Amino acid sequence: MSGAATALLLVGLFLAGGVYSFVKQQMPRSLIVLLSIGAAMCLVAGVLRLEVWN
């Protein structure tokens, strides 16, 4: 696992935790959607950067 993949996965998980926290605090839905899109993009990019696919 490369450093970039690890960093992207950790950032994605951090943002996913933020989504959960924002939902619990009943923040505006647009903010939650924006944060969840960012989290999903980081997680997908981290998974695609794994060296398993080569």
PDB file of N, CA and C in Angstrom:
ATOM      1  N   MET A   1       0.853  -1.171   0.000  1.00  0.00           N
ATOM      2  CA  MET A   1       0.000   0.000   0.000  1.00  0.00           C
ATOM      3  C   MET A   1       0.898   1.233   0.000  1.00  0.00           C
ATOM      4  N   SER A   2       0.661   2.102  -0.943  1.00  0.00           N
ATOM      5  CA  SER A   2       1.491   3.297  -1.056  1.00  0.00           C
ATOM      6  C   SER A   2       1.026   4.363  -0.066  1.00  0.00           C
ATOM      7  N   GLY A   3       1.882   5.357   0.107  1.00  0.00           N
ATOM      8  CA  GLY A   3       1.572   6.436   1.036  1.00  0.00           C
ATOM      9  C   GLY A   3       0.396   7.269   0.578  1.00  0.00           C
ATOM     10  N   ALA A   4       0.289   7.474  -0.735  1.00  0.00           N
ATOM     11  CA  ALA A   4      -0.826   8.273  -1.256  1.00  0.00           C
ATOM     12  C   ALA A   4      -2.154   7.565  -1.025  1.00  0.00           C
ATOM     13  N   ALA A   5      -2.190   6.260  -1.224  1.00  0.00           N
ATOM     14  CA  ALA A   5      -3.424   5.506  -1.001  1.00  0.00           C
ATOM     15  C   ALA A   5      -3.814   5.551   0.473  1.00  0.00           C
ATOM     16  N   THR A   6      -2.833   5.411   1.341  1.00  0.00           N
ATOM     17  CA  THR A   6      -3.101   5.467   2.775  1.00  0.00           C
ATOM     18  C   THR A   6      -3.648   6.829   3.171  1.00  0.00           C
ATOM     19  N   ALA A   7      -3.029   7.889   2.660  1.00  0.00           N
ATOM     20  CA  ALA A   7      -3.468   9.243   3.000  1.00  0.00           C
ATOM     21  C   ALA A   7      -4.887   9.494   2.501  1.00  0.00           C
ATOM     22  N   LEU A   8      -5.187   9.083   1.274  1.00  0.00           N
ATOM     23  CA  LEU A   8      -6.527   9.292   0.732  1.00  0.00           C
ATOM     24  C   LEU A   8      -7.577   8.508   1.505  1.00  0.00           C
ATOM     25  N   LEU A   9      -7.259   7.289   1.890  1.00  0.00           N
ATOM     26  CA  LEU A   9      -8.208   6.497   2.665  1.00  0.00           C
ATOM     27  C   LEU A   9      -8.442   7.104   4.047  1.00  0.00           C
ATOM     28  N   LEU A  10      -7.387   7.581   4.683  1.00  0.00           N
ATOM     29  CA  LEU A  10      -7.548   8.196   6.001  1.00  0.00           C
ATOM     30  C   LEU A  10      -8.351   9.490   5.921  1.00  0.00           C
ATOM     31  N   VAL A  11      -8.091  10.301   4.922  1.00  0.00           N
ATOM     32  CA  VAL A  11      -8.862  11.538   4.752  1.00  0.00           C
ATOM     33  C   VAL A  11     -10.327  11.205   4.457  1.00  0.00           C
ATOM     34  N   GLY A  12     -10.563  10.200   3.633  1.00  0.00           N
ATOM     35  CA  GLY A  12     -11.933   9.790   3.334  1.00  0.00           C
ATOM     36  C   GLY A  12     -12.679   9.311   4.565  1.00  0.00           C
ATOM     37  N   LEU A  13     -11.996   8.540   5.411  1.00  0.00           N
ATOM     38  CA  LEU A  13     -12.630   8.074   6.645  1.00  0.00           C
ATOM     39  C   LEU A  13     -12.872   9.230   7.611  1.00  0.00           C
ATOM     40  N   PHE A  14     -11.945  10.184   7.659  1.00  0.00           N
ATOM     41  CA  PHE A  14     -12.124  11.363   8.501  1.00  0.00           C
ATOM     42  C   PHE A  14     -13.348  12.166   8.053  1.00  0.00           C
ATOM     43  N   LEU A  15     -13.471  12.348   6.743  1.00  0.00           N
ATOM     44  CA  LEU A  15     -14.622  13.090   6.219  1.00  0.00           C
ATOM     45  C   LEU A  15     -15.922  12.317   6.429  1.00  0.00           C
ATOM     46  N   ALA A  16     -15.871  11.000   6.340  1.00  0.00           N
ATOM     47  CA  ALA A  16     -17.064  10.189   6.602  1.00  0.00           C
ATOM     48  C   ALA A  16     -17.504  10.330   8.064  1.00  0.00           C
ATOM     49  N   GLY A  17     -16.543  10.416   8.957  1.00  0.00           N
ATOM     50  CA  GLY A  17     -16.880  10.679  10.356  1.00  0.00           C
ATOM     51  C   GLY A  17     -17.515  12.047  10.526  1.00  0.00           C
ATOM     52  N   GLY A  18     -17.054  13.014   9.753  1.00  0.00           N
ATOM     53  CA  GLY A  18     -17.659  14.343   9.777  1.00  0.00           C
ATOM     54  C   GLY A  18     -19.093  14.316   9.273  1.00  0.00           C
ATOM     55  N   VAL A  19     -19.354  13.509   8.251  1.00  0.00           N
ATOM     56  CA  VAL A  19     -20.723  13.365   7.748  1.00  0.00           C
ATOM     57  C   VAL A  19     -21.623  12.823   8.846  1.00  0.00           C
ATOM     58  N   TYR A  20     -21.164  11.798   9.536  1.00  0.00           N
ATOM     59  CA  TYR A  20     -21.952  11.214  10.630  1.00  0.00           C
ATOM     60  C   TYR A  20     -22.210  12.252  11.721  1.00  0.00           C
ATOM     61  N   SER A  21     -21.177  13.009  12.062  1.00  0.00           N
ATOM     62  CA  SER A  21     -21.315  14.033  13.097  1.00  0.00           C
ATOM     63  C   SER A  21     -22.290  15.125  12.668  1.00  0.00           C
ATOM     64  N   PHE A  22     -22.198  15.545  11.418  1.00  0.00           N
ATOM     65  CA  PHE A  22     -23.085  16.605  10.938  1.00  0.00           C
ATOM     66  C   PHE A  22     -24.533  16.144  10.885  1.00  0.00           C
ATOM     67  N   VAL A  23     -24.752  14.869  10.559  1.00  0.00           N
ATOM     68  CA  VAL A  23     -26.114  14.336  10.554  1.00  0.00           C
ATOM     69  C   VAL A  23     -26.669  14.334  11.971  1.00  0.00           C
ATOM     70  N   LYS A  24     -25.853  13.935  12.952  1.00  0.00           N
ATOM     71  CA  LYS A  24     -26.304  13.915  14.341  1.00  0.00           C
ATOM     72  C   LYS A  24     -26.622  15.325  14.851  1.00  0.00           C
ATOM     73  N   GLN A  25     -25.901  16.340  14.350  1.00  0.00           N
ATOM     74  CA  GLN A  25     -26.119  17.724  14.780  1.00  0.00           C
ATOM     75  C   GLN A  25     -27.214  18.413  13.976  1.00  0.00           C
ATOM     76  N   GLN A  26     -27.800  17.722  13.023  1.00  0.00           N
ATOM     77  CA  GLN A  26     -28.857  18.238  12.156  1.00  0.00           C
ATOM     78  C   GLN A  26     -28.415  19.506  11.419  1.00  0.00           C
ATOM     79  N   MET A  27     -27.228  19.412  10.821  1.00  0.00           N
ATOM     80  CA  MET A  27     -26.711  20.513  10.012  1.00  0.00           C
ATOM     81  C   MET A  27     -27.494  20.569   8.692  1.00  0.00           C
ATOM     82  N   PRO A  28     -27.329  21.640   7.908  1.00  0.00           N
ATOM     83  CA  PRO A  28     -28.058  21.732   6.631  1.00  0.00           C
ATOM     84  C   PRO A  28     -27.715  20.570   5.688  1.00  0.00           C
ATOM     85  N   ARG A  29     -28.745  20.117   4.973  1.00  0.00           N
ATOM     86  CA  ARG A  29     -28.578  18.941   4.114  1.00  0.00           C
ATOM     87  C   ARG A  29     -27.573  19.182   2.997  1.00  0.00           C
ATOM     88  N   SER A  30     -27.502  20.405   2.482  1.00  0.00           N
ATOM     89  CA  SER A  30     -26.563  20.687   1.386  1.00  0.00           C
ATOM     90  C   SER A  30     -25.121  20.531   1.856  1.00  0.00           C
ATOM     91  N   LEU A  31     -24.837  20.915   3.082  1.00  0.00           N
ATOM     92  CA  LEU A  31     -23.492  20.764   3.641  1.00  0.00           C
ATOM     93  C   LEU A  31     -23.146  19.287   3.808  1.00  0.00           C
ATOM     94  N   ILE A  32     -24.109  18.513   4.253  1.00  0.00           N
ATOM     95  CA  ILE A  32     -23.888  17.072   4.443  1.00  0.00           C
ATOM     96  C   ILE A  32     -23.643  16.394   3.096  1.00  0.00           C
ATOM     97  N   VAL A  33     -24.406  16.786   2.077  1.00  0.00           N
ATOM     98  CA  VAL A  33     -24.234  16.198   0.745  1.00  0.00           C
ATOM     99  C   VAL A  33     -22.854  16.539   0.190  1.00  0.00           C
ATOM    100  N   LEU A  34     -22.441  17.795   0.351  1.00  0.00           N
ATOM    101  CA  LEU A  34     -21.135  18.215  -0.151  1.00  0.00           C
ATOM    102  C   LEU A  34     -20.007  17.451   0.549  1.00  0.00           C
ATOM    103  N   LEU A  35     -20.107  17.305   1.858  1.00  0.00           N
ATOM    104  CA  LEU A  35     -19.084  16.586   2.605  1.00  0.00           C
ATOM    105  C   LEU A  35     -19.074  15.105   2.255  1.00  0.00           C
ATOM    106  N   SER A  36     -20.241  14.516   2.044  1.00  0.00           N
ATOM    107  CA  SER A  36     -20.293  13.092   1.696  1.00  0.00           C
ATOM    108  C   SER A  36     -19.737  12.840   0.296  1.00  0.00           C
ATOM    109  N   ILE A  37     -19.933  13.779  -0.623  1.00  0.00           N
ATOM    110  CA  ILE A  37     -19.344  13.632  -1.960  1.00  0.00           C
ATOM    111  C   ILE A  37     -17.827  13.675  -1.864  1.00  0.00           C
ATOM    112  N   GLY A  38     -17.295  14.587  -1.067  1.00  0.00           N
ATOM    113  CA  GLY A  38     -15.849  14.662  -0.869  1.00  0.00           C
ATOM    114  C   GLY A  38     -15.295  13.401  -0.231  1.00  0.00           C
ATOM    115  N   ALA A  39     -16.001  12.880   0.766  1.00  0.00           N
ATOM    116  CA  ALA A  39     -15.562  11.654   1.425  1.00  0.00           C
ATOM    117  C   ALA A  39     -15.571  10.477   0.453  1.00  0.00           C
ATOM    118  N   ALA A  40     -16.626  10.378  -0.348  1.00  0.00           N
ATOM    119  CA  ALA A  40     -16.714   9.277  -1.308  1.00  0.00           C
ATOM    120  C   ALA A  40     -15.612   9.380  -2.357  1.00  0.00           C
ATOM    121  N   MET A  41     -15.320  10.586  -2.824  1.00  0.00           N
ATOM    122  CA  MET A  41     -14.264  10.749  -3.822  1.00  0.00           C
ATOM    123  C   MET A  41     -12.906  10.370  -3.246  1.00  0.00           C
ATOM    124  N   CYS A  42     -12.627  10.756  -2.007  1.00  0.00           N
ATOM    125  CA  CYS A  42     -11.348  10.389  -1.381  1.00  0.00           C
ATOM    126  C   CYS A  42     -11.242   8.878  -1.199  1.00  0.00           C
ATOM    127  N   LEU A  43     -12.319   8.252  -0.748  1.00  0.00           N
ATOM    128  CA  LEU A  43     -12.277   6.809  -0.542  1.00  0.00           C
ATOM    129  C   LEU A  43     -12.105   6.054  -1.858  1.00  0.00           C
ATOM    130  N   VAL A  44     -12.807   6.472  -2.887  1.00  0.00           N
ATOM    131  CA  VAL A  44     -12.684   5.807  -4.189  1.00  0.00           C
ATOM    132  C   VAL A  44     -11.283   6.009  -4.758  1.00  0.00           C
ATOM    133  N   ALA A  45     -10.747   7.227  -4.631  1.00  0.00           N
ATOM    134  CA  ALA A  45      -9.400   7.482  -5.135  1.00  0.00           C
ATOM    135  C   ALA A  45      -8.367   6.655  -4.364  1.00  0.00           C
ATOM    136  N   GLY A  46      -8.547   6.523  -3.054  1.00  0.00           N
ATOM    137  CA  GLY A  46      -7.631   5.716  -2.263  1.00  0.00           C
ATOM    138  C   GLY A  46      -7.683   4.247  -2.640  1.00  0.00           C
ATOM    139  N   VAL A  47      -8.875   3.728  -2.886  1.00  0.00           N
ATOM    140  CA  VAL A  47      -9.016   2.324  -3.269  1.00  0.00           C
ATOM    141  C   VAL A  47      -8.403   2.102  -4.646  1.00  0.00           C
ATOM    142  N   LEU A  48      -8.623   3.057  -5.561  1.00  0.00           N
ATOM    143  CA  LEU A  48      -8.065   2.889  -6.908  1.00  0.00           C
ATOM    144  C   LEU A  48      -6.550   3.012  -6.914  1.00  0.00           C
ATOM    145  N   ARG A  49      -5.961   3.708  -5.934  1.00  0.00           N
ATOM    146  CA  ARG A  49      -4.507   3.855  -5.871  1.00  0.00           C
ATOM    147  C   ARG A  49      -3.839   2.623  -5.249  1.00  0.00           C
ATOM    148  N   LEU A  50      -4.612   1.701  -4.708  1.00  0.00           N
ATOM    149  CA  LEU A  50      -4.025   0.488  -4.141  1.00  0.00           C
ATOM    150  C   LEU A  50      -3.314  -0.283  -5.255  1.00  0.00           C
ATOM    151  N   GLU A  51      -2.263  -0.941  -4.908  1.00  0.00           N
ATOM    152  CA  GLU A  51      -1.465  -1.654  -5.906  1.00  0.00           C
ATOM    153  C   GLU A  51      -2.005  -3.049  -6.187  1.00  0.00           C
ATOM    154  N   VAL A  52      -3.180  -3.357  -5.663  1.00  0.00           N
ATOM    155  CA  VAL A  52      -3.797  -4.664  -5.877  1.00  0.00           C
ATOM    156  C   VAL A  52      -4.256  -4.800  -7.321  1.00  0.00           C
ATOM    157  N   TRP A  53      -4.634  -3.664  -7.954  1.00  0.00           N
ATOM    158  CA  TRP A  53      -5.236  -3.693  -9.278  1.00  0.00           C
ATOM    159  C   TRP A  53      -4.218  -3.946 -10.377  1.00  0.00           C
ATOM    160  N   ASN A  54      -2.939  -3.799 -10.116  1.00  0.00           N
ATOM    161  CA  ASN A  54      -1.917  -3.982 -11.178  1.00  0.00           C
ATOM    162  C   ASN A  54      -1.589  -5.450 -11.380  1.00  0.00           C
TER     163      ASN A  54
END
